[in-house]
Amino acid sequence: MRKLAVLIMALALASVACAEEIAIGAQAPGFSLVNAVDGQTVEMNPTDGRLKVVIFTCNQCPYAKAFEPRIIHIANKFQQQGVRFYAIDPNDDAKFPEESLANMKARADEKEYPFPYLKDGDSKTARAYGARVTPHVFVVEGDGSVVYRGYVDDDAKPEKRKTTGLTDALNALTNGRQIANTKTNAFGCTIKWKS
């Protein structure tokens, strides 16, 4: 009986931690988070008129590491077209010290991130978006509406990928077209929620 109670409690906590992904067309939550690179606060205003990419990622996840070069490449390409990128680490750095601001800064410096690397210290921003894993991508139009959510690509190994979800979405938007596939299934390491 005790095991059943523990299981029910664990499932209840998991359902609270893993909110449903924000709907396509819904208004994206804004945020104000500390950039590990320079210690400055970065604000994301959903209705600023700019196309934006919000990526939940982290230091320790092998999937996040595998996709990291592609995310950097995509950011370098599309930032030239005015797209803003925000990388956010929502993992609990008290339980997972690799996710501390100092370690985030070291990683961003080493990999030469062309975007801010923000700390979601209480995991509230990740919960607001319904992010579940790292990496988990959300594209936000200038009016604040979410227009794509899901994966970067459909495979962590570049040679095996068949669909480039994020690149396809950004190519469509920057060329004035509709996104063919607005929802893909993000996969990676589960977010290490701040309790």
N, C-alpha and C. Protein backbone atom coordinates (compact mmCIF):
# COMPACT_ATOMS: atom_id res chain seq x y z
N MET A 1 0.82 -1.19 0.00
CA MET A 1 0.00 0.00 0.00
C MET A 1 0.87 1.26 0.00
N ARG A 2 1.95 1.21 0.78
CA ARG A 2 2.86 2.36 0.86
C ARG A 2 3.50 2.64 -0.50
N LYS A 3 3.88 1.56 -1.22
CA LYS A 3 4.48 1.72 -2.55
C LYS A 3 3.50 2.39 -3.52
N LEU A 4 2.23 2.01 -3.42
CA LEU A 4 1.21 2.59 -4.28
C LEU A 4 1.06 4.09 -3.99
N ALA A 5 1.07 4.45 -2.72
CA ALA A 5 0.95 5.86 -2.34
C ALA A 5 2.14 6.66 -2.85
N VAL A 6 3.32 6.10 -2.75
CA VAL A 6 4.53 6.77 -3.24
C VAL A 6 4.46 6.94 -4.76
N LEU A 7 4.00 5.91 -5.46
CA LEU A 7 3.87 5.97 -6.92
C LEU A 7 2.86 7.04 -7.32
N ILE A 8 1.73 7.09 -6.65
CA ILE A 8 0.70 8.10 -6.96
C ILE A 8 1.26 9.51 -6.73
N MET A 9 1.98 9.67 -5.64
CA MET A 9 2.56 10.98 -5.34
C MET A 9 3.60 11.37 -6.40
N ALA A 10 4.43 10.43 -6.81
CA ALA A 10 5.45 10.70 -7.84
C ALA A 10 4.79 11.10 -9.16
N LEU A 11 3.72 10.40 -9.53
CA LEU A 11 3.01 10.72 -10.77
C LEU A 11 2.37 12.11 -10.69
N ALA A 12 1.84 12.45 -9.53
CA ALA A 12 1.23 13.77 -9.35
C ALA A 12 2.28 14.87 -9.49
N LEU A 13 3.43 14.66 -8.87
CA LEU A 13 4.52 15.64 -8.98
C LEU A 13 5.01 15.76 -10.41
N ALA A 14 5.11 14.63 -11.11
CA ALA A 14 5.57 14.65 -12.49
C ALA A 14 4.61 15.42 -13.37
N SER A 15 3.30 15.26 -13.13
CA SER A 15 2.32 15.97 -13.95
C SER A 15 2.38 17.47 -13.69
N VAL A 16 2.69 17.87 -12.47
CA VAL A 16 2.83 19.30 -12.17
C VAL A 16 4.08 19.84 -12.85
N ALA A 17 5.18 19.08 -12.76
CA ALA A 17 6.45 19.52 -13.32
C ALA A 17 6.39 19.61 -14.84
N CYS A 18 5.67 18.68 -15.46
CA CYS A 18 5.64 18.61 -16.91
C CYS A 18 4.31 19.14 -17.43
N ALA A 19 4.18 20.45 -17.48
CA ALA A 19 2.97 21.06 -18.00
C ALA A 19 2.88 20.75 -19.49
N GLU A 20 1.68 20.87 -20.02
CA GLU A 20 1.48 20.63 -21.44
C GLU A 20 2.19 21.70 -22.25
N GLU A 21 2.77 21.30 -23.38
CA GLU A 21 3.44 22.27 -24.25
C GLU A 21 2.48 23.38 -24.64
N ILE A 22 3.00 24.57 -24.72
CA ILE A 22 2.18 25.71 -25.14
C ILE A 22 1.63 25.44 -26.54
N ALA A 23 0.40 25.82 -26.77
CA ALA A 23 -0.26 25.53 -28.04
C ALA A 23 0.26 26.42 -29.16
N ILE A 24 0.24 25.89 -30.36
CA ILE A 24 0.55 26.70 -31.54
C ILE A 24 -0.53 27.78 -31.64
N GLY A 25 -0.09 29.01 -31.83
CA GLY A 25 -1.02 30.14 -31.90
C GLY A 25 -1.22 30.84 -30.57
N ALA A 26 -0.82 30.19 -29.46
CA ALA A 26 -0.94 30.81 -28.14
C ALA A 26 0.11 31.89 -27.97
N GLN A 27 -0.16 32.80 -27.04
CA GLN A 27 0.79 33.87 -26.75
C GLN A 27 1.96 33.30 -25.94
N ALA A 28 3.16 33.55 -26.40
CA ALA A 28 4.37 33.07 -25.71
C ALA A 28 4.57 33.87 -24.43
N PRO A 29 4.99 33.22 -23.36
CA PRO A 29 5.32 33.96 -22.14
C PRO A 29 6.61 34.76 -22.33
N GLY A 30 6.62 35.98 -21.83
CA GLY A 30 7.84 36.76 -21.80
C GLY A 30 8.69 36.29 -20.63
N PHE A 31 9.93 36.73 -20.58
CA PHE A 31 10.78 36.38 -19.45
C PHE A 31 11.88 37.41 -19.28
N SER A 32 12.45 37.40 -18.10
CA SER A 32 13.57 38.26 -17.74
C SER A 32 14.53 37.39 -16.93
N LEU A 33 15.65 36.99 -17.56
CA LEU A 33 16.55 36.02 -16.96
C LEU A 33 18.00 36.50 -17.04
N VAL A 34 18.83 35.98 -16.15
CA VAL A 34 20.24 36.36 -16.11
C VAL A 34 21.03 35.60 -17.18
N ASN A 35 21.83 36.37 -17.93
CA ASN A 35 22.71 35.80 -18.93
C ASN A 35 23.99 35.35 -18.25
N ALA A 36 24.27 34.05 -18.32
CA ALA A 36 25.47 33.51 -17.66
C ALA A 36 26.75 34.10 -18.24
N VAL A 37 26.71 34.54 -19.47
CA VAL A 37 27.91 35.04 -20.14
C VAL A 37 28.43 36.33 -19.51
N ASP A 38 27.52 37.27 -19.22
CA ASP A 38 27.96 38.57 -18.71
C ASP A 38 27.28 39.01 -17.42
N GLY A 39 26.38 38.18 -16.88
CA GLY A 39 25.70 38.52 -15.63
C GLY A 39 24.59 39.54 -15.79
N GLN A 40 24.32 39.99 -17.01
CA GLN A 40 23.27 40.97 -17.25
C GLN A 40 21.91 40.28 -17.39
N THR A 41 20.86 41.01 -17.05
CA THR A 41 19.51 40.48 -17.22
C THR A 41 19.06 40.71 -18.66
N VAL A 42 18.52 39.67 -19.26
CA VAL A 42 18.02 39.74 -20.63
C VAL A 42 16.51 39.56 -20.58
N GLU A 43 15.81 40.48 -21.24
CA GLU A 43 14.36 40.40 -21.29
C GLU A 43 13.90 39.97 -22.67
N MET A 44 12.93 39.09 -22.70
CA MET A 44 12.31 38.73 -23.98
C MET A 44 10.87 39.21 -23.95
N ASN A 45 10.59 40.18 -24.81
CA ASN A 45 9.24 40.71 -24.95
C ASN A 45 8.61 40.02 -26.17
N PRO A 46 7.61 39.17 -25.95
CA PRO A 46 7.04 38.39 -27.06
C PRO A 46 6.51 39.24 -28.21
N THR A 47 6.01 40.44 -27.91
CA THR A 47 5.37 41.26 -28.94
C THR A 47 6.28 42.39 -29.44
N ASP A 48 7.58 42.13 -29.49
CA ASP A 48 8.54 43.18 -29.90
C ASP A 48 8.67 43.32 -31.42
N GLY A 49 7.87 42.57 -32.18
CA GLY A 49 7.91 42.67 -33.63
C GLY A 49 9.00 41.84 -34.29
N ARG A 50 9.80 41.13 -33.49
CA ARG A 50 10.91 40.34 -34.03
C ARG A 50 10.59 38.85 -33.96
N LEU A 51 11.08 38.12 -34.93
CA LEU A 51 11.00 36.66 -34.90
C LEU A 51 12.01 36.15 -33.88
N LYS A 52 11.59 35.21 -33.03
CA LYS A 52 12.44 34.75 -31.93
C LYS A 52 12.45 33.23 -31.84
N VAL A 53 13.59 32.70 -31.39
CA VAL A 53 13.73 31.27 -31.13
C VAL A 53 14.11 31.11 -29.66
N VAL A 54 13.31 30.35 -28.92
CA VAL A 54 13.58 30.06 -27.51
C VAL A 54 13.93 28.58 -27.44
N ILE A 55 15.15 28.30 -26.96
CA ILE A 55 15.62 26.91 -26.90
C ILE A 55 15.96 26.56 -25.45
N PHE A 56 15.27 25.57 -24.92
CA PHE A 56 15.61 25.06 -23.59
C PHE A 56 16.69 24.00 -23.78
N THR A 57 17.83 24.22 -23.14
CA THR A 57 18.98 23.35 -23.30
C THR A 57 19.74 23.31 -21.97
N CYS A 58 20.89 22.67 -21.95
CA CYS A 58 21.66 22.58 -20.71
C CYS A 58 23.08 22.15 -21.00
N ASN A 59 23.88 22.02 -19.95
CA ASN A 59 25.29 21.64 -20.09
C ASN A 59 25.52 20.14 -20.16
N GLN A 60 24.73 19.36 -19.40
CA GLN A 60 25.09 17.96 -19.18
C GLN A 60 24.43 16.96 -20.11
N CYS A 61 23.34 17.30 -20.73
CA CYS A 61 22.58 16.33 -21.53
C CYS A 61 23.31 15.98 -22.82
N PRO A 62 23.50 14.68 -23.11
CA PRO A 62 24.17 14.30 -24.36
C PRO A 62 23.42 14.75 -25.61
N TYR A 63 22.10 14.83 -25.55
CA TYR A 63 21.32 15.31 -26.70
C TYR A 63 21.57 16.81 -26.91
N ALA A 64 21.56 17.56 -25.82
CA ALA A 64 21.84 18.99 -25.92
C ALA A 64 23.23 19.22 -26.51
N LYS A 65 24.19 18.41 -26.08
CA LYS A 65 25.56 18.53 -26.61
C LYS A 65 25.62 18.15 -28.08
N ALA A 66 24.87 17.12 -28.46
CA ALA A 66 24.86 16.68 -29.86
C ALA A 66 24.27 17.74 -30.78
N PHE A 67 23.22 18.41 -30.31
CA PHE A 67 22.56 19.42 -31.14
C PHE A 67 23.23 20.79 -31.07
N GLU A 68 24.09 20.99 -30.11
CA GLU A 68 24.71 22.29 -29.88
C GLU A 68 25.37 22.89 -31.13
N PRO A 69 26.22 22.15 -31.87
CA PRO A 69 26.82 22.74 -33.07
C PRO A 69 25.79 23.18 -34.11
N ARG A 70 24.70 22.41 -34.24
CA ARG A 70 23.66 22.77 -35.20
C ARG A 70 22.91 24.02 -34.76
N ILE A 71 22.64 24.11 -33.45
CA ILE A 71 21.94 25.30 -32.93
C ILE A 71 22.80 26.54 -33.18
N ILE A 72 24.09 26.43 -32.92
CA ILE A 72 25.01 27.55 -33.15
C ILE A 72 25.02 27.93 -34.64
N HIS A 73 25.09 26.93 -35.51
CA HIS A 73 25.09 27.17 -36.96
C HIS A 73 23.79 27.86 -37.40
N ILE A 74 22.66 27.35 -36.92
CA ILE A 74 21.35 27.92 -37.28
C ILE A 74 21.27 29.37 -36.78
N ALA A 75 21.72 29.61 -35.55
CA ALA A 75 21.68 30.97 -34.99
C ALA A 75 22.56 31.91 -35.81
N ASN A 76 23.77 31.48 -36.14
CA ASN A 76 24.66 32.33 -36.94
C ASN A 76 24.04 32.69 -38.28
N LYS A 77 23.35 31.75 -38.88
CA LYS A 77 22.70 32.00 -40.18
C LYS A 77 21.52 32.95 -40.06
N PHE A 78 20.60 32.65 -39.14
CA PHE A 78 19.34 33.40 -39.10
C PHE A 78 19.42 34.70 -38.31
N GLN A 79 20.39 34.85 -37.43
CA GLN A 79 20.54 36.13 -36.75
C GLN A 79 20.89 37.22 -37.76
N GLN A 80 21.54 36.85 -38.84
CA GLN A 80 21.85 37.82 -39.90
C GLN A 80 20.58 38.34 -40.58
N GLN A 81 19.48 37.59 -40.40
CA GLN A 81 18.19 37.99 -40.97
C GLN A 81 17.28 38.61 -39.91
N GLY A 82 17.86 38.91 -38.75
CA GLY A 82 17.11 39.60 -37.70
C GLY A 82 16.41 38.71 -36.69
N VAL A 83 16.60 37.40 -36.77
CA VAL A 83 15.97 36.48 -35.82
C VAL A 83 16.76 36.51 -34.51
N ARG A 84 16.08 36.61 -33.40
CA ARG A 84 16.72 36.59 -32.08
C ARG A 84 16.67 35.19 -31.50
N PHE A 85 17.75 34.79 -30.86
CA PHE A 85 17.86 33.48 -30.24
C PHE A 85 18.09 33.63 -28.75
N TYR A 86 17.42 32.78 -27.97
CA TYR A 86 17.58 32.73 -26.51
C TYR A 86 17.76 31.27 -26.10
N ALA A 87 18.92 30.94 -25.56
CA ALA A 87 19.14 29.59 -25.01
C ALA A 87 18.90 29.69 -23.50
N ILE A 88 18.13 28.75 -22.97
CA ILE A 88 17.74 28.80 -21.56
C ILE A 88 18.04 27.46 -20.90
N ASP A 89 18.76 27.52 -19.77
CA ASP A 89 19.04 26.33 -18.96
C ASP A 89 18.09 26.31 -17.77
N PRO A 90 17.10 25.39 -17.76
CA PRO A 90 16.12 25.34 -16.68
C PRO A 90 16.47 24.34 -15.57
N ASN A 91 17.61 23.67 -15.69
CA ASN A 91 17.94 22.60 -14.74
C ASN A 91 18.34 23.14 -13.37
N ASP A 92 18.02 22.35 -12.34
CA ASP A 92 18.30 22.69 -10.95
C ASP A 92 19.81 22.59 -10.70
N ASP A 93 20.45 23.74 -10.53
CA ASP A 93 21.90 23.74 -10.33
C ASP A 93 22.30 23.38 -8.89
N ALA A 94 21.35 23.36 -7.98
CA ALA A 94 21.66 22.91 -6.61
C ALA A 94 21.89 21.40 -6.60
N LYS A 95 21.08 20.68 -7.36
CA LYS A 95 21.23 19.22 -7.45
C LYS A 95 22.22 18.81 -8.53
N PHE A 96 22.39 19.67 -9.53
CA PHE A 96 23.26 19.37 -10.66
C PHE A 96 24.22 20.54 -10.87
N PRO A 97 25.34 20.57 -10.14
CA PRO A 97 26.26 21.71 -10.18
C PRO A 97 26.80 22.05 -11.57
N GLU A 98 26.78 21.09 -12.48
CA GLU A 98 27.25 21.36 -13.84
C GLU A 98 26.39 22.44 -14.52
N GLU A 99 25.19 22.66 -13.97
CA GLU A 99 24.27 23.64 -14.55
C GLU A 99 24.37 25.02 -13.89
N SER A 100 25.42 25.26 -13.10
CA SER A 100 25.58 26.55 -12.43
C SER A 100 25.89 27.65 -13.44
N LEU A 101 25.69 28.90 -13.02
CA LEU A 101 25.99 30.03 -13.89
C LEU A 101 27.45 30.02 -14.35
N ALA A 102 28.36 29.69 -13.43
CA ALA A 102 29.79 29.66 -13.78
C ALA A 102 30.07 28.61 -14.85
N ASN A 103 29.47 27.44 -14.71
CA ASN A 103 29.68 26.38 -15.70
C ASN A 103 28.97 26.69 -17.02
N MET A 104 27.82 27.36 -16.94
CA MET A 104 27.14 27.80 -18.15
C MET A 104 28.01 28.80 -18.91
N LYS A 105 28.58 29.75 -18.17
CA LYS A 105 29.46 30.75 -18.80
C LYS A 105 30.66 30.08 -19.47
N ALA A 106 31.26 29.12 -18.76
CA ALA A 106 32.42 28.41 -19.32
C ALA A 106 32.05 27.71 -20.62
N ARG A 107 30.87 27.08 -20.65
CA ARG A 107 30.45 26.37 -21.86
C ARG A 107 30.16 27.35 -22.99
N ALA A 108 29.45 28.42 -22.69
CA ALA A 108 29.11 29.41 -23.71
C ALA A 108 30.37 30.05 -24.28
N ASP A 109 31.35 30.32 -23.43
CA ASP A 109 32.62 30.90 -23.90
C ASP A 109 33.39 29.90 -24.76
N GLU A 110 33.47 28.65 -24.28
CA GLU A 110 34.22 27.62 -25.01
C GLU A 110 33.63 27.37 -26.39
N LYS A 111 32.30 27.31 -26.46
CA LYS A 111 31.63 26.99 -27.73
C LYS A 111 31.30 28.24 -28.56
N GLU A 112 31.62 29.41 -28.00
CA GLU A 112 31.37 30.68 -28.69
C GLU A 112 29.90 30.85 -29.08
N TYR A 113 29.03 30.73 -28.07
CA TYR A 113 27.60 30.91 -28.32
C TYR A 113 27.36 32.30 -28.90
N PRO A 114 26.62 32.38 -30.01
CA PRO A 114 26.30 33.68 -30.59
C PRO A 114 24.98 34.26 -30.05
N PHE A 115 24.54 33.75 -28.91
CA PHE A 115 23.27 34.15 -28.31
C PHE A 115 23.43 34.13 -26.78
N PRO A 116 22.53 34.78 -26.06
CA PRO A 116 22.61 34.72 -24.59
C PRO A 116 22.28 33.31 -24.09
N TYR A 117 22.93 32.94 -23.00
CA TYR A 117 22.68 31.64 -22.35
C TYR A 117 22.11 31.97 -20.98
N LEU A 118 20.82 31.80 -20.83
CA LEU A 118 20.07 32.32 -19.70
C LEU A 118 19.76 31.25 -18.66
N LYS A 119 19.80 31.64 -17.39
CA LYS A 119 19.49 30.71 -16.30
C LYS A 119 18.06 30.88 -15.85
N ASP A 120 17.29 29.82 -15.99
CA ASP A 120 15.91 29.75 -15.49
C ASP A 120 15.99 29.10 -14.12
N GLY A 121 16.45 29.86 -13.15
CA GLY A 121 16.81 29.33 -11.83
C GLY A 121 15.70 28.62 -11.08
N ASP A 122 14.46 29.02 -11.30
CA ASP A 122 13.34 28.38 -10.61
C ASP A 122 12.53 27.50 -11.56
N SER A 123 12.99 27.31 -12.77
CA SER A 123 12.33 26.50 -13.82
C SER A 123 10.96 27.04 -14.22
N LYS A 124 10.61 28.26 -13.81
CA LYS A 124 9.27 28.79 -14.12
C LYS A 124 9.08 29.06 -15.61
N THR A 125 10.12 29.51 -16.26
CA THR A 125 9.98 29.81 -17.69
C THR A 125 9.77 28.51 -18.47
N ALA A 126 10.53 27.48 -18.13
CA ALA A 126 10.34 26.18 -18.80
C ALA A 126 8.93 25.65 -18.56
N ARG A 127 8.43 25.80 -17.35
CA ARG A 127 7.07 25.34 -17.05
C ARG A 127 6.05 26.15 -17.85
N ALA A 128 6.27 27.46 -17.97
CA ALA A 128 5.33 28.32 -18.68
C ALA A 128 5.22 27.92 -20.16
N TYR A 129 6.33 27.47 -20.74
CA TYR A 129 6.32 27.03 -22.14
C TYR A 129 5.89 25.56 -22.28
N GLY A 130 5.88 24.84 -21.19
CA GLY A 130 5.56 23.41 -21.26
C GLY A 130 6.72 22.62 -21.82
N ALA A 131 7.95 23.15 -21.65
CA ALA A 131 9.14 22.42 -22.11
C ALA A 131 9.27 21.14 -21.28
N ARG A 132 9.73 20.07 -21.92
CA ARG A 132 9.85 18.78 -21.23
C ARG A 132 11.27 18.26 -21.22
N VAL A 133 12.01 18.59 -22.27
CA VAL A 133 13.32 17.98 -22.47
C VAL A 133 14.33 19.04 -22.91
N THR A 134 15.59 18.62 -22.93
CA THR A 134 16.63 19.46 -23.53
C THR A 134 17.26 18.67 -24.66
N PRO A 135 17.27 19.25 -25.88
CA PRO A 135 16.74 20.57 -26.24
C PRO A 135 15.25 20.52 -26.61
N HIS A 136 14.58 21.63 -26.35
CA HIS A 136 13.16 21.79 -26.71
C HIS A 136 13.04 23.20 -27.28
N VAL A 137 12.53 23.30 -28.50
CA VAL A 137 12.55 24.55 -29.26
C VAL A 137 11.15 25.14 -29.42
N PHE A 138 11.07 26.47 -29.32
CA PHE A 138 9.83 27.21 -29.56
C PHE A 138 10.16 28.42 -30.42
N VAL A 139 9.42 28.61 -31.52
CA VAL A 139 9.61 29.76 -32.37
C VAL A 139 8.43 30.70 -32.15
N VAL A 140 8.74 31.97 -31.94
CA VAL A 140 7.74 32.98 -31.59
C VAL A 140 7.75 34.09 -32.63
N GLU A 141 6.59 34.37 -33.20
CA GLU A 141 6.45 35.45 -34.18
C GLU A 141 6.53 36.81 -33.49
N GLY A 142 6.65 37.85 -34.27
CA GLY A 142 6.76 39.21 -33.73
C GLY A 142 5.55 39.66 -32.94
N ASP A 143 4.38 39.07 -33.21
CA ASP A 143 3.17 39.42 -32.45
C ASP A 143 3.04 38.62 -31.16
N GLY A 144 4.03 37.74 -30.90
CA GLY A 144 4.04 36.97 -29.66
C GLY A 144 3.45 35.58 -29.77
N SER A 145 2.94 35.21 -30.94
CA SER A 145 2.32 33.89 -31.06
C SER A 145 3.37 32.81 -31.32
N VAL A 146 3.16 31.65 -30.71
CA VAL A 146 4.03 30.50 -30.93
C VAL A 146 3.65 29.87 -32.26
N VAL A 147 4.64 29.73 -33.15
CA VAL A 147 4.35 29.21 -34.50
C VAL A 147 5.04 27.89 -34.81
N TYR A 148 5.98 27.50 -33.96
CA TYR A 148 6.63 26.18 -34.10
C TYR A 148 7.08 25.74 -32.72
N ARG A 149 6.96 24.43 -32.47
CA ARG A 149 7.49 23.86 -31.24
C ARG A 149 7.93 22.43 -31.52
N GLY A 150 9.03 22.04 -30.84
CA GLY A 150 9.48 20.66 -31.01
C GLY A 150 10.98 20.52 -31.06
N TYR A 151 11.46 19.75 -32.05
CA TYR A 151 12.88 19.43 -32.13
C TYR A 151 13.65 20.37 -33.05
N VAL A 152 14.98 20.30 -32.93
CA VAL A 152 15.87 20.99 -33.85
C VAL A 152 15.84 20.21 -35.17
N ASP A 153 16.22 18.96 -35.11
CA ASP A 153 16.17 18.01 -36.22
C ASP A 153 15.56 16.72 -35.69
N ASP A 154 15.22 15.80 -36.58
CA ASP A 154 14.60 14.55 -36.15
C ASP A 154 15.58 13.49 -35.70
N ASP A 155 16.89 13.76 -35.73
CA ASP A 155 17.87 12.80 -35.24
C ASP A 155 19.07 13.54 -34.66
N ALA A 156 19.61 13.02 -33.59
CA ALA A 156 20.78 13.65 -32.96
C ALA A 156 22.04 13.48 -33.80
N LYS A 157 22.04 12.50 -34.67
CA LYS A 157 23.19 12.28 -35.56
C LYS A 157 22.91 12.97 -36.89
N PRO A 158 23.70 13.99 -37.24
CA PRO A 158 23.40 14.75 -38.45
C PRO A 158 23.27 13.91 -39.71
N GLU A 159 24.07 12.86 -39.81
CA GLU A 159 24.03 12.03 -41.02
C GLU A 159 22.75 11.21 -41.13
N LYS A 160 22.00 11.09 -40.04
CA LYS A 160 20.77 10.29 -40.07
C LYS A 160 19.50 11.14 -40.15
N ARG A 161 19.63 12.43 -40.06
CA ARG A 161 18.43 13.26 -40.03
C ARG A 161 17.73 13.27 -41.38
N LYS A 162 16.41 13.31 -41.30
CA LYS A 162 15.58 13.38 -42.50
C LYS A 162 14.79 14.69 -42.52
N THR A 163 14.54 15.23 -41.32
CA THR A 163 13.76 16.46 -41.20
C THR A 163 14.51 17.47 -40.34
N THR A 164 14.64 18.67 -40.86
CA THR A 164 15.30 19.73 -40.11
C THR A 164 14.21 20.70 -39.64
N GLY A 165 13.54 20.33 -38.57
CA GLY A 165 12.34 21.04 -38.12
C GLY A 165 12.53 22.53 -37.91
N LEU A 166 13.54 22.91 -37.11
CA LEU A 166 13.75 24.32 -36.81
C LEU A 166 14.18 25.09 -38.05
N THR A 167 15.12 24.56 -38.80
CA THR A 167 15.59 25.24 -40.02
C THR A 167 14.46 25.39 -41.03
N ASP A 168 13.65 24.33 -41.20
CA ASP A 168 12.51 24.40 -42.12
C ASP A 168 11.55 25.52 -41.70
N ALA A 169 11.27 25.59 -40.40
CA ALA A 169 10.35 26.62 -39.89
C ALA A 169 10.91 28.02 -40.14
N LEU A 170 12.18 28.22 -39.85
CA LEU A 170 12.78 29.55 -40.02
C LEU A 170 12.91 29.92 -41.50
N ASN A 171 13.24 28.95 -42.34
CA ASN A 171 13.30 29.22 -43.79
C ASN A 171 11.94 29.68 -44.30
N ALA A 172 10.89 29.00 -43.86
CA ALA A 172 9.54 29.38 -44.29
C ALA A 172 9.21 30.79 -43.82
N LEU A 173 9.40 31.06 -42.54
CA LEU A 173 9.02 32.36 -41.98
C LEU A 173 9.81 33.51 -42.57
N THR A 174 11.11 33.32 -42.76
CA THR A 174 11.92 34.42 -43.29
C THR A 174 11.71 34.63 -44.79
N ASN A 175 11.00 33.69 -45.42
CA ASN A 175 10.67 33.84 -46.85
C ASN A 175 9.17 34.09 -47.07
N GLY A 176 8.48 34.44 -45.99
CA GLY A 176 7.07 34.82 -46.09
C GLY A 176 6.11 33.68 -46.38
N ARG A 177 6.52 32.46 -46.02
CA ARG A 177 5.66 31.29 -46.25
C ARG A 177 5.14 30.73 -44.93
N GLN A 178 4.11 29.91 -45.03
CA GLN A 178 3.59 29.20 -43.86
C GLN A 178 4.52 28.04 -43.52
N ILE A 179 4.60 27.70 -42.25
CA ILE A 179 5.39 26.54 -41.82
C ILE A 179 4.60 25.29 -42.14
N ALA A 180 5.21 24.34 -42.83
CA ALA A 180 4.52 23.11 -43.22
C ALA A 180 4.21 22.24 -42.01
N ASN A 181 5.14 22.12 -41.08
CA ASN A 181 4.95 21.26 -39.90
C ASN A 181 5.25 22.08 -38.65
N THR A 182 4.20 22.54 -38.00
CA THR A 182 4.36 23.44 -36.86
C THR A 182 4.65 22.72 -35.54
N LYS A 183 4.38 21.41 -35.48
CA LYS A 183 4.59 20.66 -34.24
C LYS A 183 5.39 19.39 -34.53
N THR A 184 6.50 19.25 -33.83
CA THR A 184 7.29 18.02 -33.90
C THR A 184 7.51 17.55 -32.46
N ASN A 185 7.93 16.31 -32.31
CA ASN A 185 8.10 15.74 -30.97
C ASN A 185 9.53 15.96 -30.48
N ALA A 186 9.69 16.92 -29.57
CA ALA A 186 11.01 17.18 -28.99
C ALA A 186 11.47 15.93 -28.23
N PHE A 187 12.76 15.65 -28.33
CA PHE A 187 13.32 14.50 -27.61
C PHE A 187 14.66 14.91 -27.04
N GLY A 188 15.04 14.26 -25.95
CA GLY A 188 16.30 14.58 -25.28
C GLY A 188 16.24 14.13 -23.84
N CYS A 189 17.00 14.81 -22.99
CA CYS A 189 17.02 14.49 -21.56
C CYS A 189 15.89 15.24 -20.87
N THR A 190 15.24 14.60 -19.92
CA THR A 190 14.18 15.29 -19.19
C THR A 190 14.78 16.46 -18.40
N ILE A 191 14.00 17.51 -18.27
CA ILE A 191 14.43 18.68 -17.50
C ILE A 191 14.55 18.30 -16.04
N LYS A 192 15.62 18.75 -15.41
CA LYS A 192 15.88 18.50 -13.98
C LYS A 192 15.27 19.67 -13.21
N TRP A 193 13.99 19.52 -12.89
CA TRP A 193 13.19 20.62 -12.36
C TRP A 193 13.70 21.12 -11.00
N LYS A 194 13.64 22.42 -10.84
CA LYS A 194 13.86 23.03 -9.52
C LYS A 194 12.63 22.77 -8.70
N SER A 195 12.79 22.20 -7.49
CA SER A 195 11.60 21.90 -6.69
C SER A 195 11.13 23.10 -5.91
